Protein backbone atom coordinates (compact mmCIF):
# COMPACT_ATOMS: atom_id res chain seq x y z
CA MET A 1 45.90 65.83 81.11
CA ARG A 2 44.19 65.42 77.76
CA PRO A 3 42.10 68.32 76.44
CA LYS A 4 38.43 68.42 77.39
CA HIS A 5 37.25 68.16 73.76
CA LEU A 6 39.13 64.86 73.40
CA ARG A 7 37.53 63.47 76.53
CA SER A 8 34.02 64.36 75.31
CA LEU A 9 34.64 62.98 71.81
CA ALA A 10 35.97 59.72 73.22
CA ALA A 11 32.89 59.34 75.38
CA ALA A 12 30.64 60.10 72.43
CA VAL A 13 32.37 57.47 70.29
CA LEU A 14 31.91 54.79 72.92
CA LEU A 15 28.31 55.71 73.69
CA ALA A 16 27.33 55.77 70.03
CA LEU A 17 28.67 52.32 69.17
CA PRO A 18 25.91 49.79 68.44
CA VAL A 19 24.94 47.68 71.43
CA ALA A 20 25.31 43.92 71.08
CA THR A 21 22.21 41.76 70.96
CA SER A 22 21.79 38.02 71.40
CA THR A 23 20.98 37.16 67.80
CA LEU A 24 23.94 34.76 67.53
CA ALA A 25 24.67 32.10 70.10
CA ALA A 26 28.16 31.63 71.48
CA ASP A 27 30.36 28.98 69.88
CA ALA A 28 31.08 25.72 71.65
CA GLY A 29 34.54 24.40 72.43
CA PRO A 30 37.61 25.72 74.23
CA TYR A 31 38.02 29.49 74.27
CA ALA A 32 34.57 29.68 72.72
CA GLY A 33 33.60 32.77 70.81
CA THR A 34 31.06 35.05 72.45
CA TYR A 35 30.46 37.29 69.44
CA GLN A 36 26.97 38.76 69.29
CA ALA A 37 25.75 40.82 66.38
CA ALA A 38 25.14 44.44 67.31
CA ALA A 39 21.61 45.82 67.30
CA SER A 40 20.66 47.03 63.85
CA THR A 41 17.84 48.87 62.12
CA PRO A 42 16.45 47.69 58.76
CA THR A 43 18.37 49.66 56.14
CA LEU A 44 17.68 50.17 52.44
CA ILE A 45 20.42 51.52 50.17
CA ARG A 46 18.82 52.80 46.96
CA ASN A 47 20.01 53.36 43.41
CA ALA A 48 23.68 52.35 43.77
CA THR A 49 26.09 50.41 41.61
CA VAL A 50 26.23 47.05 43.37
CA LEU A 51 29.03 44.49 43.08
CA THR A 52 27.50 41.37 44.59
CA GLY A 53 30.71 39.37 45.00
CA THR A 54 29.24 36.59 42.86
CA GLY A 55 30.47 38.13 39.60
CA GLU A 56 27.48 40.39 39.03
CA ARG A 57 27.40 44.16 38.64
CA LEU A 58 23.98 45.77 39.07
CA GLU A 59 23.37 49.39 38.04
CA GLY A 60 20.80 51.50 39.88
CA ALA A 61 20.19 48.66 42.33
CA ASP A 62 18.97 48.51 45.91
CA VAL A 63 20.29 46.53 48.88
CA LEU A 64 17.98 45.77 51.81
CA MET A 65 19.44 44.69 55.14
CA SER A 66 17.18 43.37 57.89
CA ASN A 67 17.81 41.51 61.15
CA GLY A 68 21.54 41.54 60.48
CA ARG A 69 21.19 39.75 57.15
CA ILE A 70 20.93 40.57 53.47
CA GLU A 71 17.19 40.55 52.80
CA ARG A 72 17.15 41.36 49.10
CA VAL A 73 19.24 42.83 46.29
CA GLY A 74 17.42 44.22 43.25
CA SER A 75 15.61 47.22 41.84
CA GLY A 76 12.63 49.10 43.19
CA LEU A 77 12.72 47.44 46.59
CA ARG A 78 10.22 48.60 49.18
CA ALA A 79 11.54 49.70 52.58
CA PRO A 80 9.86 48.13 55.62
CA ARG A 81 8.29 50.40 58.20
CA GLY A 82 10.90 52.19 60.31
CA ALA A 83 13.77 51.42 57.93
CA VAL A 84 16.65 53.81 57.36
CA GLU A 85 16.84 54.76 53.69
CA ILE A 86 20.12 55.83 52.08
CA ASP A 87 20.43 57.50 48.71
CA GLY A 88 23.11 55.52 46.91
CA THR A 89 23.10 57.60 43.73
CA GLY A 90 26.67 57.78 42.43
CA LYS A 91 27.88 55.38 45.13
CA TRP A 92 29.05 51.77 44.90
CA VAL A 93 28.10 48.97 47.30
CA THR A 94 30.17 45.83 47.88
CA PRO A 95 30.43 43.00 50.41
CA GLY A 96 32.74 43.73 53.31
CA ILE A 97 36.43 43.15 52.60
CA ILE A 98 38.01 40.05 54.15
CA ASP A 99 41.75 40.00 54.80
CA VAL A 100 43.00 36.41 54.99
CA HIS A 101 46.50 37.28 56.21
CA SER A 102 46.76 39.76 59.04
CA HIS A 103 48.87 40.10 62.18
CA LEU A 104 46.77 42.81 63.82
CA GLY A 105 46.51 42.19 67.53
CA VAL A 106 49.54 39.86 67.65
CA TYR A 107 51.91 42.52 66.26
CA PRO A 108 49.85 45.56 67.25
CA SER A 109 50.64 49.26 67.14
CA PRO A 110 52.71 50.79 68.54
CA GLY A 111 55.42 48.44 67.32
CA ALA A 112 57.20 47.90 70.62
CA SER A 113 59.05 44.72 71.56
CA ALA A 114 56.50 44.24 74.33
CA HIS A 115 53.90 43.80 71.56
CA SER A 116 55.82 41.13 69.64
CA ASP A 117 53.50 38.18 70.19
CA GLY A 118 53.26 36.54 66.76
CA ASN A 119 56.20 34.11 66.61
CA GLU A 120 56.79 31.38 69.19
CA MET A 121 60.41 30.80 68.12
CA THR A 122 61.17 28.04 70.62
CA ALA A 123 60.95 25.05 68.24
CA PRO A 124 60.47 24.55 64.50
CA VAL A 125 57.03 23.00 65.07
CA THR A 126 54.76 24.88 67.47
CA ALA A 127 51.36 23.70 66.26
CA GLN A 128 50.17 23.84 69.87
CA VAL A 129 50.03 27.65 70.00
CA TRP A 130 46.96 29.63 68.94
CA ALA A 131 47.25 33.17 67.58
CA GLU A 132 44.01 34.11 69.33
CA HIS A 133 45.76 33.82 72.69
CA SER A 134 47.97 36.76 71.67
CA VAL A 135 45.31 38.99 70.09
CA TRP A 136 45.09 42.42 71.75
CA PRO A 137 41.68 43.88 70.86
CA GLN A 138 42.87 47.41 71.69
CA ASP A 139 45.19 47.44 68.67
CA PRO A 140 44.38 50.74 66.86
CA GLY A 141 44.94 48.88 63.60
CA PHE A 142 41.50 47.26 63.81
CA ALA A 143 39.75 50.63 63.57
CA ALA A 144 42.04 51.76 60.74
CA ALA A 145 41.21 48.56 58.84
CA LEU A 146 37.49 49.14 59.42
CA ALA A 147 37.81 52.57 57.80
CA GLY A 148 39.21 50.73 54.76
CA GLY A 149 36.15 48.50 54.51
CA VAL A 150 37.54 45.40 56.26
CA THR A 151 34.75 43.56 58.08
CA SER A 152 36.46 40.20 58.78
CA LEU A 153 40.06 39.03 58.96
CA MET A 154 42.17 36.03 59.84
CA ILE A 155 44.92 36.64 62.37
CA LEU A 156 47.89 34.33 61.85
CA PRO A 157 51.10 33.58 63.73
CA GLY A 158 54.29 34.72 62.04
CA SER A 159 56.44 32.65 59.68
CA ALA A 160 59.53 31.91 61.77
CA ASN A 161 58.61 28.25 62.25
CA LEU A 162 57.90 25.35 59.93
CA ILE A 163 54.50 25.08 61.61
CA GLY A 164 53.73 28.21 63.55
CA GLY A 165 50.34 27.53 65.13
CA ARG A 166 46.64 28.13 64.65
CA GLY A 167 45.10 31.24 63.13
CA VAL A 168 41.73 32.69 64.08
CA THR A 169 39.06 34.45 62.02
CA LEU A 170 37.59 37.57 63.62
CA LYS A 171 34.78 39.99 62.95
CA ASN A 172 36.25 43.49 62.88
CA VAL A 173 34.21 44.90 65.74
CA TYR A 174 35.10 46.97 68.78
CA ALA A 175 35.47 44.56 71.71
CA THR A 176 37.12 44.11 75.07
CA THR A 177 38.09 40.47 74.57
CA MET A 178 39.20 38.34 71.67
CA GLN A 179 36.28 35.98 72.29
CA GLU A 180 33.85 38.80 71.52
CA MET A 181 35.42 39.16 68.06
CA LYS A 182 35.52 35.50 66.99
CA PHE A 183 33.67 34.83 63.75
CA PRO A 184 30.86 32.39 64.62
CA ASP A 185 31.60 28.80 63.59
CA ALA A 186 34.68 29.71 61.53
CA PRO A 187 37.20 26.85 61.44
CA HIS A 188 40.69 27.39 62.74
CA GLY A 189 43.52 27.79 60.25
CA LEU A 190 47.02 26.39 60.63
CA LYS A 191 50.00 28.49 59.58
CA MET A 192 52.96 26.75 57.95
CA ALA A 193 56.00 28.35 56.33
CA CYS A 194 58.31 27.26 53.51
CA GLY A 195 61.68 28.49 52.48
CA GLU A 196 63.99 31.07 53.92
CA ASN A 197 62.31 32.08 57.17
CA PRO A 198 62.44 28.86 59.22
CA LYS A 199 65.84 27.77 57.88
CA ARG A 200 67.25 31.23 58.63
CA VAL A 201 65.85 31.36 62.18
CA TYR A 202 67.02 27.91 63.22
CA GLY A 203 70.11 27.73 61.01
CA SER A 204 71.41 30.85 62.73
CA ARG A 205 71.24 28.88 66.00
CA ASN A 206 73.03 25.90 64.46
CA GLN A 207 69.81 23.88 64.78
CA ALA A 208 67.65 22.02 62.31
CA PRO A 209 66.31 23.03 59.91
CA MET A 210 69.25 24.74 58.27
CA THR A 211 68.25 23.96 54.68
CA ARG A 212 65.18 23.51 52.54
CA MET A 213 65.68 19.75 52.71
CA GLY A 214 65.68 20.11 56.49
CA ASN A 215 62.41 22.02 56.21
CA MET A 216 60.81 19.19 54.26
CA ALA A 217 62.03 16.54 56.68
CA GLY A 218 60.56 18.57 59.53
CA TYR A 219 57.10 18.73 57.94
CA ARG A 220 57.10 15.01 57.17
CA GLY A 221 58.26 14.05 60.65
CA ALA A 222 55.55 16.17 62.26
CA PHE A 223 52.75 14.67 60.18
CA ILE A 224 54.03 11.10 60.72
CA GLU A 225 53.75 11.78 64.47
CA ALA A 226 50.25 13.17 63.91
CA GLN A 227 49.17 10.08 61.98
CA ARG A 228 50.32 7.81 64.80
CA TYR A 229 48.66 10.02 67.39
CA ARG A 230 45.38 9.98 65.50
CA GLU A 231 45.57 6.20 65.09
CA SER A 232 46.21 5.68 68.81
CA TRP A 233 43.14 7.73 69.72
CA ALA A 234 41.00 5.96 67.12
CA LYS A 235 42.06 2.60 68.55
CA HIS A 236 41.30 3.77 72.09
CA ARG A 237 37.82 4.97 71.14
CA ALA A 238 37.08 1.74 69.27
CA ASN A 239 38.12 -0.41 72.27
CA ARG A 240 36.79 1.87 74.99
CA SER A 241 35.01 0.05 77.80
CA GLY A 242 33.93 3.00 79.91
CA ASN A 243 37.34 3.60 81.40
CA ASN A 244 39.81 6.27 80.38
CA ASN A 245 42.82 4.95 82.27
CA ASP A 246 44.36 3.59 79.07
CA ALA A 247 43.70 6.75 77.01
CA PRO A 248 46.70 8.18 75.16
CA ASN A 249 48.19 11.37 76.59
CA VAL A 250 46.72 14.51 75.07
CA ASP A 251 49.35 16.37 73.02
CA LEU A 252 48.27 19.87 72.02
CA ARG A 253 50.79 20.03 69.18
CA LEU A 254 49.57 16.77 67.65
CA GLU A 255 45.92 17.63 68.30
CA THR A 256 46.27 20.52 65.88
CA LEU A 257 48.06 18.46 63.23
CA ALA A 258 45.47 15.69 63.57
CA GLY A 259 42.82 18.36 63.00
CA VAL A 260 44.45 19.15 59.65
CA LEU A 261 44.50 15.46 58.72
CA ASP A 262 40.80 15.22 59.64
CA GLY A 263 39.92 18.28 57.56
CA GLU A 264 38.72 20.24 60.59
CA ILE A 265 41.53 22.83 60.47
CA MET A 266 42.25 24.67 57.22
CA LEU A 267 45.87 24.84 56.12
CA HIS A 268 47.48 28.14 55.07
CA ILE A 269 51.07 28.00 53.85
CA HIS A 270 53.54 30.89 53.55
CA CYS A 271 55.37 29.86 50.39
CA TYR A 272 57.03 31.99 47.68
CA ARG A 273 58.62 29.73 45.07
CA ALA A 274 56.75 27.56 42.55
CA ASP A 275 59.00 24.55 43.18
CA GLU A 276 58.27 24.67 46.91
CA MET A 277 54.53 25.02 46.35
CA ALA A 278 54.70 21.91 44.18
CA LEU A 279 56.54 20.08 46.97
CA MET A 280 53.90 21.11 49.50
CA MET A 281 51.19 19.80 47.15
CA ASP A 282 53.09 16.50 47.08
CA LEU A 283 53.26 16.59 50.89
CA ALA A 284 49.48 17.06 50.99
CA ARG A 285 49.04 14.02 48.74
CA GLU A 286 51.43 11.96 50.87
CA PHE A 287 49.51 12.64 54.08
CA GLU A 288 46.07 13.08 52.49
CA PHE A 289 45.23 16.58 53.69
CA GLU A 290 44.02 19.66 51.83
CA ILE A 291 45.68 23.06 51.41
CA ALA A 292 43.34 26.04 51.63
CA ALA A 293 45.77 28.64 50.30
CA PHE A 294 49.36 29.49 49.56
CA HIS A 295 50.19 32.91 50.98
CA HIS A 296 52.55 35.45 49.37
CA GLY A 297 53.35 33.07 46.48
CA VAL A 298 55.14 35.50 44.18
CA GLU A 299 55.69 32.61 41.75
CA ALA A 300 52.12 31.29 41.92
CA TYR A 301 51.58 32.36 38.31
CA LYS A 302 53.85 29.49 37.23
CA LEU A 303 51.41 26.99 38.79
CA ALA A 304 48.10 28.72 38.10
CA ASP A 305 46.50 25.73 36.36
CA GLU A 306 47.75 23.24 38.97
CA LEU A 307 46.46 25.39 41.83
CA ALA A 308 43.05 25.73 40.18
CA GLU A 309 42.82 21.99 39.58
CA ALA A 310 43.70 21.26 43.22
CA GLY A 311 41.24 23.87 44.53
CA ILE A 312 44.01 25.85 46.24
CA CYS A 313 43.72 29.63 46.53
CA GLY A 314 46.59 32.04 46.08
CA ALA A 315 46.56 34.76 48.75
CA LEU A 316 48.94 37.24 47.18
CA TRP A 317 50.33 40.76 47.11
CA ALA A 318 49.81 43.15 44.24
CA ASP A 319 53.48 43.99 43.77
CA TRP A 320 55.69 43.26 46.78
CA TRP A 321 58.92 41.65 45.60
CA GLY A 322 62.70 41.58 45.82
CA PHE A 323 63.11 41.93 49.58
CA LYS A 324 64.74 38.49 49.74
CA MET A 325 65.91 35.93 47.20
CA GLU A 326 62.75 33.82 47.23
CA ALA A 327 60.71 36.95 46.46
CA TYR A 328 62.80 37.83 43.42
CA ASP A 329 60.99 36.19 40.49
CA ALA A 330 57.75 38.18 40.77
CA ILE A 331 55.53 39.73 38.12
CA GLN A 332 52.79 42.31 38.60
CA GLU A 333 50.27 40.15 36.73
CA ASN A 334 50.62 37.32 39.28
CA ILE A 335 47.14 37.63 40.82
CA ALA A 336 45.46 38.09 37.45
CA LEU A 337 47.10 34.92 36.11
CA VAL A 338 46.16 32.87 39.19
CA ASP A 339 42.59 34.11 38.68
CA ARG A 340 42.57 33.26 34.97
CA PRO A 341 41.74 29.50 35.00
CA ALA A 342 38.06 28.61 35.21
CA ASN A 343 38.38 27.50 38.85
CA GLY A 344 41.13 29.93 39.78
CA CYS A 345 40.98 31.37 43.28
CA ALA A 346 43.00 34.58 43.62
CA ILE A 347 42.98 36.69 46.79
CA VAL A 348 44.56 40.05 47.60
CA HIS A 349 45.92 39.96 51.14
CA SER A 350 47.81 42.47 53.25
CA ASP A 351 50.29 40.96 55.76
CA SER A 352 50.59 44.61 56.78
CA ALA A 353 48.99 46.96 59.29
CA GLU A 354 49.14 49.68 56.62
CA GLY A 355 48.24 47.63 53.55
CA ILE A 356 45.06 46.35 55.20
CA GLN A 357 43.74 49.92 55.09
CA ARG A 358 43.77 50.05 51.28
CA LEU A 359 43.22 46.56 49.93
CA ASN A 360 40.86 48.03 47.35
CA GLN A 361 43.72 50.08 45.92
CA GLU A 362 46.08 47.10 46.00
CA THR A 363 43.48 45.31 43.89
CA ALA A 364 43.31 48.28 41.53
CA LYS A 365 47.06 48.02 40.96
CA VAL A 366 46.63 44.43 39.80
CA MET A 367 43.79 45.45 37.49
CA GLY A 368 46.02 48.11 35.94
CA SER A 369 48.95 45.70 35.49
CA ALA A 370 46.65 43.10 33.92
CA ARG A 371 45.16 45.67 31.54
CA ARG A 372 48.61 46.62 30.29
CA ALA A 373 49.23 42.92 29.62
CA GLY A 374 46.00 42.60 27.63
CA MET A 375 43.78 41.20 30.39
CA ASP A 376 40.81 43.44 31.11
CA ILE A 377 39.40 42.53 34.52
CA PRO A 378 36.09 44.24 35.36
CA PRO A 379 35.29 45.40 38.90
CA GLU A 380 32.63 42.70 39.35
CA ARG A 381 35.34 40.04 38.99
CA ALA A 382 38.08 41.82 40.90
CA ILE A 383 35.89 42.32 43.98
CA ARG A 384 35.86 38.56 44.42
CA TRP A 385 39.59 38.71 45.26
CA LEU A 386 38.65 40.62 48.41
CA THR A 387 35.35 38.97 49.32
CA TRP A 388 34.08 35.66 47.90
CA ASN A 389 37.45 33.99 47.30
CA ALA A 390 38.73 35.18 50.67
CA ALA A 391 35.66 33.76 52.41
CA LYS A 392 36.12 30.47 50.56
CA SER A 393 39.71 30.08 51.76
CA LEU A 394 38.60 30.64 55.36
CA GLY A 395 35.64 28.25 55.21
CA ILE A 396 33.06 30.99 55.84
CA GLN A 397 31.63 31.47 52.33
CA ASP A 398 28.23 30.21 53.44
CA GLN A 399 28.05 33.15 55.89
CA THR A 400 29.70 36.10 54.19
CA GLY A 401 31.70 37.23 51.15
CA SER A 402 28.77 38.08 48.86
CA LEU A 403 25.54 40.07 48.89
CA GLU A 404 23.12 37.16 48.76
CA ARG A 405 19.88 36.69 50.63
CA GLY A 406 20.37 35.26 54.11
CA LYS A 407 24.06 36.03 54.39
CA MET A 408 25.52 38.30 57.06
CA ALA A 409 24.93 41.92 56.12
CA ASP A 410 28.63 42.81 55.94
CA VAL A 411 28.43 45.73 53.52
CA VAL A 412 30.56 48.67 52.40
CA VAL A 413 29.21 51.85 50.78
CA TRP A 414 31.92 53.56 48.70
CA ASN A 415 31.84 57.14 47.48
CA GLN A 416 32.64 55.85 43.95
CA ASN A 417 34.18 52.88 42.15
CA PRO A 418 36.17 51.18 44.93
CA PHE A 419 39.05 50.62 42.51
CA SER A 420 39.56 54.32 41.90
CA SER A 421 42.52 56.12 43.46
CA TYR A 422 39.97 58.49 45.00
CA ALA A 423 37.71 55.81 46.49
CA LEU A 424 36.82 56.00 50.17
CA ALA A 425 34.67 53.72 52.28
CA GLU A 426 31.93 56.05 53.49
CA GLN A 427 29.93 53.55 55.55
CA VAL A 428 30.73 50.06 56.81
CA TYR A 429 28.07 47.69 58.13
CA ILE A 430 28.75 44.49 60.04
CA ASP A 431 25.75 42.21 60.48
CA GLY A 432 23.59 45.11 59.35
CA ALA A 433 24.81 47.49 62.08
CA LEU A 434 26.50 50.71 61.02
CA MET A 435 29.95 50.32 62.56
CA TYR A 436 31.76 53.09 60.68
CA ASP A 437 30.62 56.34 59.09
CA ARG A 438 33.26 58.60 57.59
CA ASN A 439 31.03 61.64 58.07
CA ASP A 440 30.10 60.94 61.69
CA PRO A 441 32.85 60.92 64.36
CA ALA A 442 30.48 59.10 66.70
CA ARG A 443 30.58 56.15 64.27
CA GLN A 444 34.37 55.92 64.15
CA PRO A 445 35.34 53.56 66.97
CA VAL A 446 38.43 54.35 69.01
CA SER A 447 40.19 51.65 71.04
CA ASP A 448 40.69 52.05 74.76
CA PHE A 449 44.42 52.41 74.13
CA MET A 450 43.84 55.45 71.90
CA LEU A 451 41.33 57.22 74.13
CA GLY A 452 42.79 60.56 75.17
CA GLN A 453 45.88 60.24 73.00
CA GLU A 454 46.86 63.42 71.19
CA VAL A 455 46.01 63.04 67.51
CA THR A 456 47.52 65.44 64.97
CA PRO A 457 44.94 66.37 62.29
């Protein structure tokens, strides 16, 4: 039996969580999101250093949140009646962090084989599977990420397959079901993988693909099928006479690939080497689709100008390298160089249940490496790697990613410069509701799985 003080604390945590309201309607479509913003009180943060996510840094500035949205950012703002006022002196305020590459919920903690739900390794192309159907909302990793300032995240399938399936963007809120976490109106992503992973998985079974040329043939074959599928449906709709008897068979795998061709599903590609990224850009030109981001991309610095020109983001690590051959040719200035062109889109991502808890410090490592190489990157630019650029790659930049009037009030209050080794997220707001408070145990959500578990201080 768990100690009485743990039972009472768990109850207090659950009772103190903000209650959902009906300010956002549920999404339409299959497995529709039912996310509803939690009830919030107008809140004014005064006299803080504010990084807006748009490239601005404001000293001694105020941030006003009202009705779940950013109302105003400026100086000398007046609090509405009944507002909570927070003294931000000495503190920094940023948009909520967005992690574009996470496996929380599909590879949850504890890391048991029963929880391995991220890779459908039954065929090289499994575009029919959706990561959201594996998400376990009780994963304790969600709360740990919230304590690190993460307010939204995309959950992706793993990289065992050439085309692994759809990813889903979530709001990082306590919930019972995945549908309650789905980011309103966010497009699906599709996860693809280059290089060693798919050829290793299937080559070890003496199946195709066994080589990188087999990988490429697999992508091309899949998209040729998708083109034909899309054409058959277009022809059916054009000739439709009120009868569906001659409709093509619905193919869930090809439905997803057709969604990429139509620009409705955003494409995210696990790809390390510059030569393979260039090939995937050629593939995109061949089949006339767009790539949202290359993920991991330790050699992205070699193609920084080409990526910027094509409008492709690089979702990258600060310094992971050398754990396999395709991760060998890495440099610590990679993210800074991808960010350097005028239209460069660099993102710091985690791909890790631990790394997601300190993405601000991962960003700081890049800033330090860049400084040693003669590139001084100020905090107001670096924050974009975690907020605005991340939102852009997920197709949600009109809703979040910056502190601009009318956007979701996804806000983090830091005890100091978020890129300091001593920085801590003190308060985290999602849609204007205080979802995490480092100084208040009742505002530190605990998943059902963790309730009553012995925790060593």
